[in-house]
Protein backbone atom coordinates (compact mmCIF):
# COMPACT_ATOMS: atom_id res chain seq x y z
CA UNK A 1 -12.47 -21.05 -8.33
CA UNK A 2 -16.03 -22.09 -8.98
CA UNK A 3 -17.06 -23.18 -12.43
CA UNK A 4 -20.46 -23.17 -14.07
CA UNK A 5 -22.26 -22.58 -17.37
CA UNK A 6 -25.56 -22.83 -19.10
CA UNK A 7 -25.63 -26.34 -20.52
CA UNK A 8 -25.94 -27.04 -24.23
CA UNK A 9 -28.80 -29.42 -25.14
CA UNK A 10 -27.77 -32.70 -26.76
CA UNK A 11 -31.35 -33.77 -27.54
CA UNK A 12 -34.41 -32.05 -28.98
CA UNK A 13 -35.24 -28.78 -27.27
CA UNK A 14 -36.58 -29.60 -23.81
CA UNK A 15 -39.38 -27.90 -22.00
CA UNK A 16 -38.55 -24.67 -20.20
CA UNK A 17 -36.48 -25.56 -17.16
CA UNK A 18 -35.90 -23.78 -13.93
CA UNK A 19 -32.67 -21.76 -13.88
CA UNK A 20 -31.29 -23.93 -11.10
CA UNK A 21 -31.46 -27.00 -13.38
CA UNK A 22 -29.51 -25.32 -16.16
CA UNK A 23 -26.23 -25.31 -14.37
CA UNK A 24 -24.45 -26.07 -11.13
CA UNK A 25 -21.28 -25.37 -9.24
CA UNK A 26 -18.24 -27.53 -8.70
CA UNK A 27 -15.16 -26.94 -6.59
CA UNK A 28 -12.03 -26.36 -8.66
CA UNK A 29 -9.42 -28.08 -6.49
CA UNK A 30 -6.59 -28.10 -9.01
CA UNK A 31 -3.35 -26.73 -7.49
CA UNK A 32 -5.28 -25.89 -4.32
CA UNK A 33 -2.69 -27.53 -2.05
CA UNK A 34 0.18 -25.90 -3.94
CA UNK A 35 -1.27 -22.42 -3.42
CA UNK A 36 -1.84 -23.10 0.27
CA UNK A 37 1.81 -24.18 0.51
CA UNK A 38 2.92 -20.94 -1.15
CA UNK A 39 0.89 -18.92 1.34
CA UNK A 40 2.52 -20.89 4.17
CA UNK A 41 5.97 -20.21 2.70
CA UNK A 42 5.12 -16.52 2.49
CA UNK A 43 4.13 -16.49 6.16
CA UNK A 44 7.39 -18.18 7.13
CA UNK A 45 9.31 -15.53 5.22
CA UNK A 46 7.57 -12.53 6.79
CA UNK A 47 7.29 -13.94 10.34
CA UNK A 48 10.67 -15.54 11.02
CA UNK A 49 13.63 -13.10 11.12
CA UNK A 50 16.07 -13.44 8.27
CA UNK A 51 17.78 -16.81 8.55
CA UNK A 52 16.71 -17.18 12.20
CA UNK A 53 18.87 -14.20 13.21
CA UNK A 54 17.04 -13.61 16.50
CA UNK A 55 20.01 -12.29 18.39
CA UNK A 56 21.01 -9.44 16.11
CA UNK A 57 18.00 -7.52 14.86
CA UNK A 58 20.19 -4.75 13.51
CA UNK A 59 21.55 -7.12 10.85
CA UNK A 60 18.18 -8.28 9.53
CA UNK A 61 18.19 -5.69 6.77
CA UNK A 62 21.48 -7.04 5.47
CA UNK A 63 19.94 -10.48 5.00
CA UNK A 64 17.67 -9.13 2.25
CA UNK A 65 20.50 -9.49 -0.23
CA UNK A 66 21.29 -13.15 0.38
CA UNK A 67 20.72 -15.44 -2.59
CA UNK A 68 18.58 -17.92 -0.65
CA UNK A 69 16.21 -15.19 0.49
CA UNK A 70 15.91 -13.79 -3.03
CA UNK A 71 15.23 -17.29 -4.37
CA UNK A 72 12.30 -17.63 -1.96
CA UNK A 73 10.78 -14.31 -3.04
CA UNK A 74 11.30 -15.04 -6.73
CA UNK A 75 9.56 -18.40 -6.27
CA UNK A 76 6.66 -16.63 -4.59
CA UNK A 77 6.49 -14.30 -7.56
CA UNK A 78 6.83 -16.60 -10.56
CA UNK A 79 4.95 -19.73 -9.45
CA UNK A 80 1.61 -17.86 -9.04
CA UNK A 81 2.19 -16.09 -12.36
CA UNK A 82 2.58 -19.44 -14.09
CA UNK A 83 -0.53 -20.86 -12.41
CA UNK A 84 -2.62 -17.81 -13.30
CA UNK A 85 -1.95 -18.02 -17.04
CA UNK A 86 -5.16 -20.04 -17.52
CA UNK A 87 -7.22 -17.59 -15.47
CA UNK A 88 -6.29 -14.22 -16.92
CA UNK A 89 -9.85 -13.13 -17.69
CA UNK A 90 -11.07 -14.13 -14.28
CA UNK A 91 -8.07 -12.36 -12.73
CA UNK A 92 -8.97 -9.20 -14.64
CA UNK A 93 -12.56 -9.48 -13.39
CA UNK A 94 -11.24 -9.72 -9.84
CA UNK A 95 -9.01 -6.67 -10.29
CA UNK A 96 -11.99 -4.65 -11.48
CA UNK A 97 -13.96 -5.83 -8.44
CA UNK A 98 -11.30 -4.92 -5.87
CA UNK A 99 -11.59 -2.22 -3.25
CA UNK A 100 -10.86 0.86 -5.36
CA UNK A 101 -9.02 2.71 -2.61
CA UNK A 102 -6.78 -0.29 -1.94
CA UNK A 103 -5.73 -0.21 -5.59
CA UNK A 104 -5.23 3.55 -5.46
CA UNK A 105 -3.15 3.29 -2.27
CA UNK A 106 -0.95 0.63 -3.85
CA UNK A 107 -0.47 2.66 -7.03
CA UNK A 108 0.35 5.74 -4.95
CA UNK A 109 2.91 3.77 -2.92
CA UNK A 110 4.51 2.68 -6.20
CA UNK A 111 4.55 6.28 -7.44
CA UNK A 112 6.29 7.43 -4.23
CA UNK A 113 9.53 5.99 -5.58
CA UNK A 114 9.73 9.19 -7.65
CA UNK A 115 10.18 11.40 -4.55
CA UNK A 116 11.45 8.82 -2.07
CA UNK A 117 14.39 9.83 0.15
CA UNK A 118 15.74 6.30 -0.42
CA UNK A 119 14.49 4.96 -3.79
CA UNK A 120 16.37 1.68 -3.36
CA UNK A 121 14.61 0.91 -0.07
CA UNK A 122 11.24 1.85 -1.55
CA UNK A 123 11.84 -0.41 -4.54
CA UNK A 124 12.73 -3.39 -2.34
CA UNK A 125 9.69 -2.91 -0.10
CA UNK A 126 7.40 -2.56 -3.10
CA UNK A 127 8.72 -5.78 -4.62
CA UNK A 128 7.92 -7.69 -1.42
CA UNK A 129 4.53 -5.97 -1.00
CA UNK A 130 3.39 -6.67 -4.56
CA UNK A 131 4.57 -10.27 -4.31
CA UNK A 132 2.44 -10.65 -1.17
CA UNK A 133 -0.56 -9.32 -3.06
CA UNK A 134 0.06 -11.68 -5.97
CA UNK A 135 0.17 -14.76 -3.73
CA UNK A 136 -3.05 -13.72 -1.97
CA UNK A 137 -4.81 -13.06 -5.28
CA UNK A 138 -3.68 -16.41 -6.69
CA UNK A 139 -4.99 -18.18 -3.59
CA UNK A 140 -8.38 -16.55 -4.23
CA UNK A 141 -8.42 -17.45 -7.92
CA UNK A 142 -7.12 -21.02 -7.69
CA UNK A 143 -9.21 -23.57 -5.80
CA UNK A 144 -11.71 -20.95 -4.63
CA UNK A 145 -14.71 -21.74 -2.43
CA UNK A 146 -16.63 -19.52 0.03
CA UNK A 147 -14.53 -20.57 3.06
CA UNK A 148 -11.20 -20.61 1.25
CA UNK A 149 -9.87 -17.58 3.18
CA UNK A 150 -10.04 -19.05 6.69
CA UNK A 151 -9.38 -22.63 5.62
CA UNK A 152 -6.02 -21.56 4.23
CA UNK A 153 -5.03 -19.28 7.12
CA UNK A 154 -6.22 -21.25 10.18
CA UNK A 155 -3.79 -24.18 9.73
CA UNK A 156 -0.90 -21.82 8.94
CA UNK A 157 -1.46 -19.71 12.04
CA UNK A 158 -1.87 -22.83 14.18
CA UNK A 159 1.42 -24.32 12.95
CA UNK A 160 3.26 -21.06 13.68
CA UNK A 161 1.75 -20.77 17.17
CA UNK A 162 2.35 -24.38 18.17
CA UNK A 163 5.82 -24.07 16.70
CA UNK A 164 6.40 -20.98 18.84
CA UNK A 165 5.44 -22.90 21.99
CA UNK A 166 7.79 -25.74 21.10
CA UNK A 167 10.55 -23.31 20.15
CA UNK A 168 10.17 -21.58 23.52
CA UNK A 169 10.64 -24.87 25.36
CA UNK A 170 13.58 -26.01 23.23
CA UNK A 171 15.40 -22.69 22.76
CA UNK A 172 14.28 -20.25 25.44
CA UNK A 173 17.41 -18.16 24.81
CA UNK A 174 16.04 -17.30 21.34
CA UNK A 175 12.27 -17.52 21.86
CA UNK A 176 12.09 -15.40 25.04
CA UNK A 177 13.16 -11.77 24.84
CA UNK A 178 14.58 -9.56 27.57
CA UNK A 179 12.58 -6.46 28.57
CA UNK A 180 13.09 -3.33 26.48
CA UNK A 181 13.93 -0.76 29.14
CA UNK A 182 13.68 2.05 26.60
CA UNK A 183 9.94 1.31 26.29
CA UNK A 184 9.43 0.91 30.02
CA UNK A 185 9.25 -2.89 29.97
CA UNK A 186 10.28 -4.76 33.11
CA UNK A 187 9.45 -8.42 32.42
CA UNK A 188 10.61 -11.14 30.04
CA UNK A 189 8.21 -12.01 27.23
CA UNK A 190 7.90 -14.74 24.66
CA UNK A 191 8.39 -13.89 21.02
CA UNK A 192 8.35 -17.47 19.76
CA UNK A 193 9.19 -17.72 16.08
CA UNK A 194 8.53 -14.02 15.54
CA UNK A 195 11.14 -11.31 15.90
CA UNK A 196 9.50 -9.61 18.90
CA UNK A 197 6.76 -10.08 21.46
CA UNK A 198 4.28 -7.91 19.57
CA UNK A 199 4.82 -10.09 16.52
CA UNK A 200 3.88 -13.21 18.48
CA UNK A 201 1.00 -11.32 20.08
CA UNK A 202 -0.34 -10.37 16.67
CA UNK A 203 -0.12 -13.95 15.37
CA UNK A 204 -1.81 -15.24 18.52
CA UNK A 205 -4.57 -12.64 18.17
CA UNK A 206 -5.35 -13.63 14.61
CA UNK A 207 -5.21 -17.31 15.55
CA UNK A 208 -7.65 -16.72 18.40
CA UNK A 209 -10.00 -14.71 16.17
CA UNK A 210 -10.03 -17.35 13.42
CA UNK A 211 -10.58 -20.28 15.79
CA UNK A 212 -13.20 -18.43 17.85
CA UNK A 213 -15.06 -17.58 14.64
CA UNK A 214 -14.83 -21.22 13.51
CA UNK A 215 -16.26 -22.33 16.86
CA UNK A 216 -19.27 -20.00 16.98
CA UNK A 217 -19.95 -20.56 13.26
CA UNK A 218 -19.64 -24.35 13.59
CA UNK A 219 -17.20 -24.51 10.67
CA UNK A 220 -15.16 -27.20 12.39
CA UNK A 221 -15.52 -29.70 15.22
CA UNK A 222 -15.64 -28.14 18.66
CA UNK A 223 -12.65 -30.15 19.91
CA UNK A 224 -10.46 -28.76 17.10
CA UNK A 225 -11.69 -25.24 17.68
CA UNK A 226 -11.07 -25.42 21.44
CA UNK A 227 -7.54 -26.76 20.89
CA UNK A 228 -6.82 -23.91 18.47
CA UNK A 229 -8.25 -21.38 20.92
CA UNK A 230 -6.12 -22.80 23.73
CA UNK A 231 -2.87 -22.66 21.73
CA UNK A 232 -3.63 -19.11 20.55
CA UNK A 233 -4.59 -17.92 24.04
CA UNK A 234 -1.41 -19.41 25.51
CA UNK A 235 0.78 -17.56 23.01
CA UNK A 236 -1.17 -14.34 23.52
CA UNK A 237 -0.66 -14.56 27.29
CA UNK A 238 3.03 -15.43 27.03
CA UNK A 239 3.68 -12.57 24.60
CA UNK A 240 2.48 -10.05 27.17
CA UNK A 241 1.19 -7.77 24.41
CA UNK A 242 -1.49 -5.66 26.06
CA UNK A 243 -2.42 -4.04 22.74
CA UNK A 244 -3.11 -7.42 21.13
CA UNK A 245 -5.05 -8.62 24.18
CA UNK A 246 -7.31 -5.56 24.23
CA UNK A 247 -7.91 -5.59 20.46
CA UNK A 248 -8.60 -9.34 20.43
CA UNK A 249 -11.08 -9.18 23.30
CA UNK A 250 -12.97 -6.39 21.58
CA UNK A 251 -12.99 -8.27 18.25
CA UNK A 252 -14.38 -11.43 19.84
CA UNK A 253 -17.23 -9.41 21.33
CA UNK A 254 -17.97 -7.99 17.89
CA UNK A 255 -18.01 -11.49 16.38
CA UNK A 256 -20.54 -12.58 18.97
CA UNK A 257 -22.68 -9.49 18.45
CA UNK A 258 -22.76 -9.77 14.66
CA UNK A 259 -23.34 -13.51 14.70
CA UNK A 260 -26.07 -13.67 17.34
CA UNK A 261 -27.73 -10.26 17.07
CA UNK A 262 -31.54 -10.63 17.36
CA UNK A 263 -33.17 -10.55 13.96
CA UNK A 264 -35.09 -7.39 14.74
CA UNK A 265 -31.90 -5.45 15.52
CA UNK A 266 -29.79 -6.73 12.62
CA UNK A 267 -30.63 -3.80 10.28
CA UNK A 268 -28.93 -1.46 12.77
CA UNK A 269 -25.70 -3.45 13.04
CA UNK A 270 -23.91 -1.75 10.11
CA UNK A 271 -24.53 1.66 11.66
CA UNK A 272 -23.17 0.53 15.02
CA UNK A 273 -20.05 -0.93 13.42
CA UNK A 274 -19.52 2.20 11.32
CA UNK A 275 -19.75 4.40 14.44
CA UNK A 276 -17.29 2.17 16.32
CA UNK A 277 -14.82 2.24 13.41
CA UNK A 278 -15.14 6.02 13.14
CA UNK A 279 -14.52 6.35 16.88
CA UNK A 280 -11.34 4.29 16.68
CA UNK A 281 -10.02 6.37 13.79
CA UNK A 282 -10.88 9.61 15.62
CA UNK A 283 -8.87 8.35 18.55
CA UNK A 284 -5.96 7.67 16.24
CA UNK A 285 -6.17 11.19 14.85
CA UNK A 286 -6.36 12.53 18.40
CA UNK A 287 -3.10 10.79 19.27
CA UNK A 288 -1.55 12.49 16.25
CA UNK A 289 -3.08 15.80 17.43
CA UNK A 290 -4.44 16.46 13.98
CA UNK A 291 -7.85 17.54 15.30
CA UNK A 292 -7.88 20.25 18.00
CA UNK A 293 -9.82 19.45 21.15
CA UNK A 294 -9.48 15.66 20.97
CA UNK A 295 -6.62 15.48 23.48
CA UNK A 296 -9.13 14.98 26.29
CA UNK A 297 -10.38 11.85 24.49
CA UNK A 298 -6.86 10.43 24.55
CA UNK A 299 -6.27 11.05 28.24
CA UNK A 300 -9.67 9.68 29.32
CA UNK A 301 -9.39 6.45 27.32
CA UNK A 302 -5.78 5.74 28.25
CA UNK A 303 -6.53 6.17 31.94
CA UNK A 304 -9.55 3.86 31.68
CA UNK A 305 -7.41 1.00 30.31
CA UNK A 306 -4.54 1.55 32.73
CA UNK A 307 -2.14 3.24 30.31
CA UNK A 308 -0.26 6.47 30.92
CA UNK A 309 -0.50 9.32 28.43
CA UNK A 310 3.07 8.69 27.28
CA UNK A 311 1.91 5.28 25.94
CA UNK A 312 4.79 3.41 27.59
CA UNK A 313 7.40 5.77 26.21
CA UNK A 314 6.04 5.86 22.67
CA UNK A 315 5.44 9.62 22.61
CA UNK A 316 9.19 10.21 22.34
CA UNK A 317 9.19 8.13 19.16
CA UNK A 318 6.12 9.92 17.82
CA UNK A 319 7.61 13.37 18.39
CA UNK A 320 10.69 12.59 16.31
CA UNK A 321 8.57 11.06 13.55
CA UNK A 322 6.38 14.17 13.51
CA UNK A 323 9.47 16.32 13.10
CA UNK A 324 10.41 14.32 10.04
CA UNK A 325 6.88 14.52 8.63
CA UNK A 326 7.18 18.31 8.51
CA UNK A 327 9.77 17.93 5.74
CA UNK A 328 7.10 16.52 3.38
CA UNK A 329 3.68 16.45 5.05
CA UNK A 330 1.55 16.14 1.90
CA UNK A 331 3.29 13.39 -0.07
CA UNK A 332 5.53 11.78 2.56
CA UNK A 333 9.14 10.66 2.31
CA UNK A 334 8.46 7.55 0.22
CA UNK A 335 7.07 4.12 1.01
CA UNK A 336 9.46 2.19 3.27
CA UNK A 337 12.19 4.81 2.91
CA UNK A 338 12.48 5.95 6.54
CA UNK A 339 13.07 2.85 8.69
CA UNK A 340 16.01 1.41 6.76
CA UNK A 341 18.15 0.40 9.74
CA UNK A 342 20.41 1.90 12.43
CA UNK A 343 23.00 3.11 9.94
CA UNK A 344 24.31 6.64 9.47
CA UNK A 345 22.86 6.92 5.94
CA UNK A 346 19.31 6.25 7.20
CA UNK A 347 16.97 9.15 7.96
CA UNK A 348 15.89 7.25 11.08
CA UNK A 349 19.42 7.24 12.51
CA UNK A 350 18.36 10.32 14.51
CA UNK A 351 16.74 7.98 17.05
CA UNK A 352 20.13 6.63 18.11
CA UNK A 353 21.44 10.16 18.48
CA UNK A 354 18.57 11.57 20.51
CA UNK A 355 16.83 8.59 22.17
CA UNK A 356 19.82 6.20 22.26
CA UNK A 357 17.85 3.25 20.84
CA UNK A 358 16.36 2.24 17.51
CA UNK A 359 12.61 1.37 17.56
CA UNK A 360 12.34 0.03 13.96
CA UNK A 361 8.83 1.52 13.56
CA UNK A 362 6.68 4.48 14.61
CA UNK A 363 4.49 2.35 16.94
CA UNK A 364 1.43 4.13 15.52
CA UNK A 365 0.16 2.89 12.19
CA UNK A 366 -1.61 6.07 11.11
CA UNK A 367 1.48 8.13 11.89
CA UNK A 368 3.58 5.66 9.90
CA UNK A 369 1.36 6.12 6.85
CA UNK A 370 1.66 9.91 7.06
CA UNK A 371 5.42 9.62 7.42
CA UNK A 372 5.76 7.38 4.36
CA UNK A 373 2.94 8.60 2.10
CA UNK A 374 1.85 11.91 3.59
CA UNK A 375 -1.68 13.10 4.16
CA UNK A 376 -2.58 11.92 0.66
CA UNK A 377 -1.71 8.38 1.74
CA UNK A 378 -3.71 8.77 4.97
CA UNK A 379 -6.77 9.93 2.99
CA UNK A 380 -6.47 6.88 0.71
CA UNK A 381 -6.17 4.60 3.74
CA UNK A 382 -9.33 6.05 5.27
CA UNK A 383 -11.08 5.52 1.94
CA UNK A 384 -9.87 1.91 1.90
CA UNK A 385 -11.31 1.34 5.37
CA UNK A 386 -14.67 2.91 4.47
CA UNK A 387 -14.94 0.89 1.25
CA UNK A 388 -13.95 -2.33 3.03
CA UNK A 389 -16.77 -1.79 5.54
CA UNK A 390 -19.22 -1.00 2.74
CA UNK A 391 -18.37 -4.24 0.92
CA UNK A 392 -18.57 -6.18 4.20
CA UNK A 393 -22.02 -4.77 4.89
CA UNK A 394 -23.10 -5.88 1.41
CA UNK A 395 -21.93 -9.42 2.18
CA UNK A 396 -23.58 -9.22 5.61
CA UNK A 397 -26.98 -9.37 3.92
CA UNK A 398 -26.03 -12.65 2.23
CA UNK A 399 -23.63 -14.48 4.54
CA UNK A 400 -23.53 -13.17 8.13
CA UNK A 401 -20.91 -15.66 9.27
CA UNK A 402 -18.34 -14.79 6.63
CA UNK A 403 -19.02 -11.07 6.80
CA UNK A 404 -18.57 -11.07 10.58
CA UNK A 405 -15.05 -12.49 10.15
CA UNK A 406 -14.05 -9.79 7.66
CA UNK A 407 -15.50 -7.05 9.88
CA UNK A 408 -13.82 -8.41 13.01
CA UNK A 409 -10.41 -8.55 11.35
CA UNK A 410 -10.65 -4.92 10.22
CA UNK A 411 -11.72 -3.69 13.66
CA UNK A 412 -8.79 -5.57 15.19
CA UNK A 413 -6.42 -3.89 12.75
CA UNK A 414 -7.90 -0.46 13.48
CA UNK A 415 -7.27 -0.94 17.20
CA UNK A 416 -3.84 -2.57 16.87
CA UNK A 417 -2.52 0.32 14.80
CA UNK A 418 -3.10 2.73 17.66
CA UNK A 419 0.07 1.35 19.25
CA UNK A 420 1.76 -0.64 16.45
CA UNK A 421 2.57 0.05 12.80
CA UNK A 422 1.16 -2.62 10.50
CA UNK A 423 -0.68 -0.73 7.76
CA UNK A 424 0.88 -1.54 4.37
CA UNK A 425 3.83 -3.35 5.93
CA UNK A 426 5.52 -6.55 4.77
CA UNK A 427 4.41 -8.56 7.78
CA UNK A 428 1.79 -11.08 8.92
CA UNK A 429 -0.81 -8.50 10.02
CA UNK A 430 -1.05 -6.69 6.71
CA UNK A 431 -0.69 -9.99 4.86
CA UNK A 432 -3.88 -11.23 6.53
CA UNK A 433 -5.74 -7.95 5.93
CA UNK A 434 -4.62 -7.82 2.29
CA UNK A 435 -5.78 -11.42 1.89
CA UNK A 436 -9.12 -10.43 3.45
CA UNK A 437 -9.50 -7.45 1.09
CA UNK A 438 -8.99 -9.68 -1.96
CA UNK A 439 -11.08 -12.57 -0.61
CA UNK A 440 -13.97 -10.22 0.19
CA UNK A 441 -13.98 -8.90 -3.37
CA UNK A 442 -13.65 -12.46 -4.72
CA UNK A 443 -16.66 -13.58 -2.71
CA UNK A 444 -18.84 -10.73 -4.00
CA UNK A 445 -17.64 -11.39 -7.56
CA UNK A 446 -18.55 -15.04 -7.10
CA UNK A 447 -22.04 -14.07 -5.99
CA UNK A 448 -22.48 -11.97 -9.13
CA UNK A 449 -21.35 -14.89 -11.29
CA UNK A 450 -23.90 -17.11 -9.56
CA UNK A 451 -26.67 -14.58 -10.17
CA UNK A 452 -25.71 -14.31 -13.85
CA UNK A 453 -25.61 -18.07 -14.25
CA UNK A 454 -29.08 -18.58 -12.82
CA UNK A 455 -30.60 -16.07 -15.20
CA UNK A 456 -31.92 -18.04 -18.23
CA UNK A 457 -31.66 -14.91 -20.38
CA UNK A 458 -28.00 -14.34 -19.57
CA UNK A 459 -26.01 -12.69 -22.32
CA UNK A 460 -23.78 -14.68 -24.62
CA UNK A 461 -20.75 -12.93 -23.14
CA UNK A 462 -21.67 -14.19 -19.70
CA UNK A 463 -22.51 -17.73 -20.79
CA UNK A 464 -19.65 -18.28 -23.20
CA UNK A 465 -16.39 -17.19 -21.57
CA UNK A 466 -13.02 -17.81 -23.14
CA UNK A 467 -11.73 -21.35 -23.20
CA UNK A 468 -8.48 -20.49 -21.40
CA UNK A 469 -9.95 -19.38 -18.10
CA UNK A 470 -13.65 -19.99 -18.23
CA UNK A 471 -15.27 -19.74 -14.80
CA UNK A 472 -18.00 -22.13 -15.97
CA UNK A 473 -18.27 -25.86 -16.78
CA UNK A 474 -20.38 -28.07 -19.00
CA UNK A 475 -23.42 -29.99 -17.79
CA UNK A 476 -21.48 -33.23 -17.64
CA UNK A 477 -19.31 -31.71 -14.90
CA UNK A 478 -22.19 -30.63 -12.71
CA UNK A 479 -22.44 -32.04 -9.24
CA UNK A 480 -23.01 -30.84 -5.71
CA UNK A 481 -20.51 -28.58 -4.01
CA UNK A 482 -19.05 -31.11 -1.54
CA UNK A 483 -21.79 -30.56 0.99
CA UNK A 484 -20.50 -27.14 2.09
CA UNK A 485 -22.64 -24.97 4.28
CA UNK A 486 -24.67 -22.41 2.41
CA UNK A 487 -25.05 -18.74 3.35
CA UNK A 488 -26.50 -17.97 6.72
């Protein structure tokens, strides 16, 4: 959190001063390390299978009831609440600044408990999802500075990736998974500390994106960036996740284009990105066969990247999910109520009966949203994506480096969800995107506070916030902002 205020004169009224001399910004580093530790603990909880149960995925759902696991989640819930007591007004300002569709989608997911086919499962998932959001919001309100987002996540991702490499060398029986013949796999792949190869691939992709961005933006020393890139690339290769590899390569090209686009072409960049994002979403709808005539787009693109039109056996999964969607296509079956485990009481038990295996997800994020929240949920998700891009383009005019990171992460998520299901899930991918959504809004809110501060005719309400959570400081506290890089 950045603090500032219009200073009160302690001597006779001075001559008119420039707005910049009236106030300054200081870094609020109180509890900064504690919040970063909580984010790290959250990542450990959503990445590592319950109590390191790598050998029996079908029992992971049972671990949700263990006291130790509940203690971790309750700690993640109550510690941020305690820390945010002194920042309630600022927290409310952040809520009002958030992506409106992200708030609406969350509220709608909460409301789905009313018609959920498994209200207990929906309630548990919502508790974990809202706790994730709370930790991310607290990290953006406590110890905030313009590079807070990546400076919290880069070390966490690096520790998990290096830990996965070490874990693979020490315990290859747990860190390396056998091929899933039901999905057409024929080779052994690393999953590291994650519960499957796609989980490690996703972590490696985000690690590579963050370190590549840090390198081209000169946010850290080149030697550190290259080491982070090497560790991330190694995990990405060992995971064998072709989806993550393709999405990461595309995202890195976008980062380069946004960062180094010639000045004369920069005004056109938002339009290009919007067209690319729209094309990816159209492809996703074509896979779902929601728009007639787009099937040819699917077949041409899949053949160009060396995939067959069955998407490595995923169409069998999609067909069964589509059958279930027909039971409630508008509102869905309830958030998190379908994939509740390979048990007879679960609606997803049909996969064991008809396909003789349990996939644990739809392997298509847009289809998963329709299954859980119906076409209403899909419309809200599309609105979230459009608003996220709009806010990113607003930041692009002020800070190209930071905006390019937010844009790249969203494009990666759009591509990854063509073959995996990570939208609105309690996992590392959505955790990072949710963090990005909140951090993007926090950055734009911070810019508005700066603009208000530097206006010598600012209103009393803006210059005299409450004492409990004032985002400003007195003149005696003014000093430079630790030599951080300014906007590009």
